[in-house]
Amino acid sequence: MPISGMEAARARLQVVDGLRRWAQGAITDVAAVELLASYAGGRHVRPGVAWVRPCAWPGWYWLDADALAEFAATRTGEERRVLALAARLLDGDMGTRHRVVNPGRSAA
């Protein structure tokens, strides 16, 4: 049974909220989440896409940089550039990233 537009929007907002909690403490992860949430109506941060993964904590999600980069490589133009940028933000040099320990965070 297909879901309504309202249900899809609600699910997308729940994912964005969970991603924002996960990203807290890492500015590059926050930037990637906000970029994906604001680009193309947020259609790249919804349940069921390969790069949005559920965390062990209910309602929390994390972004898989490798899966996002693989998808970005299949796209063209602006979409490819935006998705590739988000993947690079997620996959930055861990030695230079500041991360506050977050109990709901999965290893990404």
C-alpha atoms as a PDB file:
ATOM      1  CA  MET A   1       0.000   0.000   0.000  1.00  0.00           C
ATOM      2  CA  PRO A   2       1.565   3.341  -1.036  1.00  0.00           C
ATOM      3  CA  ILE A   3       1.938   5.973   1.647  1.00  0.00           C
ATOM      4  CA  SER A   4       0.358   9.401   1.355  1.00  0.00           C
ATOM      5  CA  GLY A   5       2.336  12.569   0.799  1.00  0.00           C
ATOM      6  CA  MET A   6       1.648  13.602   4.395  1.00  0.00           C
ATOM      7  CA  GLU A   7       2.950  10.287   5.751  1.00  0.00           C
ATOM      8  CA  ALA A   8       6.059  10.524   3.571  1.00  0.00           C
ATOM      9  CA  ALA A   9       6.729  14.058   4.806  1.00  0.00           C
ATOM     10  CA  ARG A  10       6.297  12.949   8.423  1.00  0.00           C
ATOM     11  CA  ALA A  11       8.698  10.018   7.928  1.00  0.00           C
ATOM     12  CA  ARG A  12      11.268  12.317   6.279  1.00  0.00           C
ATOM     13  CA  LEU A  13      11.050  14.764   9.196  1.00  0.00           C
ATOM     14  CA  GLN A  14      11.590  11.921  11.669  1.00  0.00           C
ATOM     15  CA  VAL A  15      14.689  10.824   9.769  1.00  0.00           C
ATOM     16  CA  VAL A  16      16.055  14.379   9.640  1.00  0.00           C
ATOM     17  CA  ASP A  17      15.454  14.762  13.375  1.00  0.00           C
ATOM     18  CA  GLY A  18      17.271  11.483  14.068  1.00  0.00           C
ATOM     19  CA  LEU A  19      20.153  12.490  11.793  1.00  0.00           C
ATOM     20  CA  ARG A  20      20.480  15.847  13.550  1.00  0.00           C
ATOM     21  CA  ARG A  21      20.775  14.112  16.927  1.00  0.00           C
ATOM     22  CA  TRP A  22      23.414  11.763  15.514  1.00  0.00           C
ATOM     23  CA  ALA A  23      25.426  14.583  13.954  1.00  0.00           C
ATOM     24  CA  GLN A  24      25.625  16.733  17.098  1.00  0.00           C
ATOM     25  CA  GLY A  25      29.215  17.413  18.017  1.00  0.00           C
ATOM     26  CA  ALA A  26      30.742  16.991  14.552  1.00  0.00           C
ATOM     27  CA  ILE A  27      30.426  20.149  12.484  1.00  0.00           C
ATOM     28  CA  THR A  28      31.062  18.358   9.189  1.00  0.00           C
ATOM     29  CA  ASP A  29      28.338  15.798   9.921  1.00  0.00           C
ATOM     30  CA  VAL A  30      25.954  18.606  10.877  1.00  0.00           C
ATOM     31  CA  ALA A  31      26.787  20.344   7.596  1.00  0.00           C
ATOM     32  CA  ALA A  32      26.173  17.152   5.599  1.00  0.00           C
ATOM     33  CA  VAL A  33      22.817  16.528   7.298  1.00  0.00           C
ATOM     34  CA  GLU A  34      21.677  20.115   6.758  1.00  0.00           C
ATOM     35  CA  LEU A  35      22.855  20.104   3.144  1.00  0.00           C
ATOM     36  CA  LEU A  36      20.914  16.926   2.388  1.00  0.00           C
ATOM     37  CA  ALA A  37      17.861  18.105   4.348  1.00  0.00           C
ATOM     38  CA  SER A  38      17.700  21.393   2.452  1.00  0.00           C
ATOM     39  CA  TYR A  39      18.609  20.195  -1.045  1.00  0.00           C
ATOM     40  CA  ALA A  40      15.798  19.057  -3.385  1.00  0.00           C
ATOM     41  CA  GLY A  41      13.136  19.210  -0.714  1.00  0.00           C
ATOM     42  CA  GLY A  42      15.023  16.759   1.477  1.00  0.00           C
ATOM     43  CA  ARG A  43      14.294  13.829  -0.813  1.00  0.00           C
ATOM     44  CA  HIS A  44      17.730  12.337  -0.149  1.00  0.00           C
ATOM     45  CA  VAL A  45      17.086  11.903   3.584  1.00  0.00           C
ATOM     46  CA  ARG A  46      14.146   9.560   3.834  1.00  0.00           C
ATOM     47  CA  PRO A  47      13.597   6.016   5.012  1.00  0.00           C
ATOM     48  CA  GLY A  48      14.710   3.397   2.542  1.00  0.00           C
ATOM     49  CA  VAL A  49      17.670   5.133   0.895  1.00  0.00           C
ATOM     50  CA  ALA A  50      20.895   3.145   1.186  1.00  0.00           C
ATOM     51  CA  TRP A  51      22.901   5.858   2.958  1.00  0.00           C
ATOM     52  CA  VAL A  52      20.412   6.551   5.779  1.00  0.00           C
ATOM     53  CA  ARG A  53      20.980   3.838   8.370  1.00  0.00           C
ATOM     54  CA  PRO A  54      19.107   3.311  11.625  1.00  0.00           C
ATOM     55  CA  CYS A  55      21.164   3.501  14.810  1.00  0.00           C
ATOM     56  CA  ALA A  56      20.834   1.084  17.688  1.00  0.00           C
ATOM     57  CA  TRP A  57      18.811   3.752  19.499  1.00  0.00           C
ATOM     58  CA  PRO A  58      15.224   3.986  18.224  1.00  0.00           C
ATOM     59  CA  GLY A  59      14.570   7.168  16.264  1.00  0.00           C
ATOM     60  CA  TRP A  60      18.265   7.841  15.582  1.00  0.00           C
ATOM     61  CA  TYR A  61      19.865   7.513  12.149  1.00  0.00           C
ATOM     62  CA  TRP A  62      23.359   7.888  10.713  1.00  0.00           C
ATOM     63  CA  LEU A  63      24.673   8.609   7.228  1.00  0.00           C
ATOM     64  CA  ASP A  64      26.819   6.078   5.380  1.00  0.00           C
ATOM     65  CA  ALA A  65      29.358   8.141   3.430  1.00  0.00           C
ATOM     66  CA  ASP A  66      30.386   5.248   1.174  1.00  0.00           C
ATOM     67  CA  ALA A  67      26.816   4.446   0.111  1.00  0.00           C
ATOM     68  CA  LEU A  68      26.107   8.140  -0.476  1.00  0.00           C
ATOM     69  CA  ALA A  69      29.272   8.531  -2.571  1.00  0.00           C
ATOM     70  CA  GLU A  70      28.341   5.466  -4.648  1.00  0.00           C
ATOM     71  CA  PHE A  71      24.898   6.910  -5.336  1.00  0.00           C
ATOM     72  CA  ALA A  72      26.330  10.357  -6.112  1.00  0.00           C
ATOM     73  CA  ALA A  73      28.539   8.767  -8.773  1.00  0.00           C
ATOM     74  CA  THR A  74      25.404   7.601 -10.616  1.00  0.00           C
ATOM     75  CA  ARG A  75      23.886  11.088 -10.774  1.00  0.00           C
ATOM     76  CA  THR A  76      24.716  14.085 -12.974  1.00  0.00           C
ATOM     77  CA  GLY A  77      25.103  17.850 -12.721  1.00  0.00           C
ATOM     78  CA  GLU A  78      24.173  19.726  -9.580  1.00  0.00           C
ATOM     79  CA  GLU A  79      22.712  16.662  -7.872  1.00  0.00           C
ATOM     80  CA  ARG A  80      25.982  14.782  -8.275  1.00  0.00           C
ATOM     81  CA  ARG A  81      28.001  17.718  -6.926  1.00  0.00           C
ATOM     82  CA  VAL A  82      25.756  18.246  -3.894  1.00  0.00           C
ATOM     83  CA  LEU A  83      25.624  14.569  -2.958  1.00  0.00           C
ATOM     84  CA  ALA A  84      29.376  14.145  -3.468  1.00  0.00           C
ATOM     85  CA  LEU A  85      30.014  17.182  -1.256  1.00  0.00           C
ATOM     86  CA  ALA A  86      27.816  15.714   1.490  1.00  0.00           C
ATOM     87  CA  ALA A  87      29.696  12.405   1.239  1.00  0.00           C
ATOM     88  CA  ARG A  88      33.057  14.207   1.486  1.00  0.00           C
ATOM     89  CA  LEU A  89      31.856  16.126   4.543  1.00  0.00           C
ATOM     90  CA  LEU A  90      30.954  12.828   6.187  1.00  0.00           C
ATOM     91  CA  ASP A  91      34.147  11.087   5.162  1.00  0.00           C
ATOM     92  CA  GLY A  92      36.569  13.822   6.237  1.00  0.00           C
ATOM     93  CA  ASP A  93      39.824  13.329   8.067  1.00  0.00           C
ATOM     94  CA  MET A  94      38.738  11.934  11.423  1.00  0.00           C
ATOM     95  CA  GLY A  95      41.912  13.276  13.044  1.00  0.00           C
ATOM     96  CA  THR A  96      40.797  16.867  12.495  1.00  0.00           C
ATOM     97  CA  ARG A  97      37.157  16.419  13.460  1.00  0.00           C
ATOM     98  CA  HIS A  98      35.840  17.341  16.873  1.00  0.00           C
ATOM     99  CA  ARG A  99      33.289  14.864  18.122  1.00  0.00           C
ATOM    100  CA  VAL A 100      31.361  14.978  21.376  1.00  0.00           C
ATOM    101  CA  VAL A 101      30.669  11.463  22.565  1.00  0.00           C
ATOM    102  CA  ASN A 102      27.060  10.707  21.743  1.00  0.00           C
ATOM    103  CA  PRO A 103      25.467   7.541  23.217  1.00  0.00           C
ATOM    104  CA  GLY A 104      23.236   6.969  20.198  1.00  0.00           C
ATOM    105  CA  ARG A 105      25.987   7.244  17.632  1.00  0.00           C
ATOM    106  CA  SER A 106      26.792   4.243  15.482  1.00  0.00           C
ATOM    107  CA  ALA A 107      30.246   3.898  14.089  1.00  0.00           C
ATOM    108  CA  ALA A 108      30.017   5.440  10.663  1.00  0.00           C
END
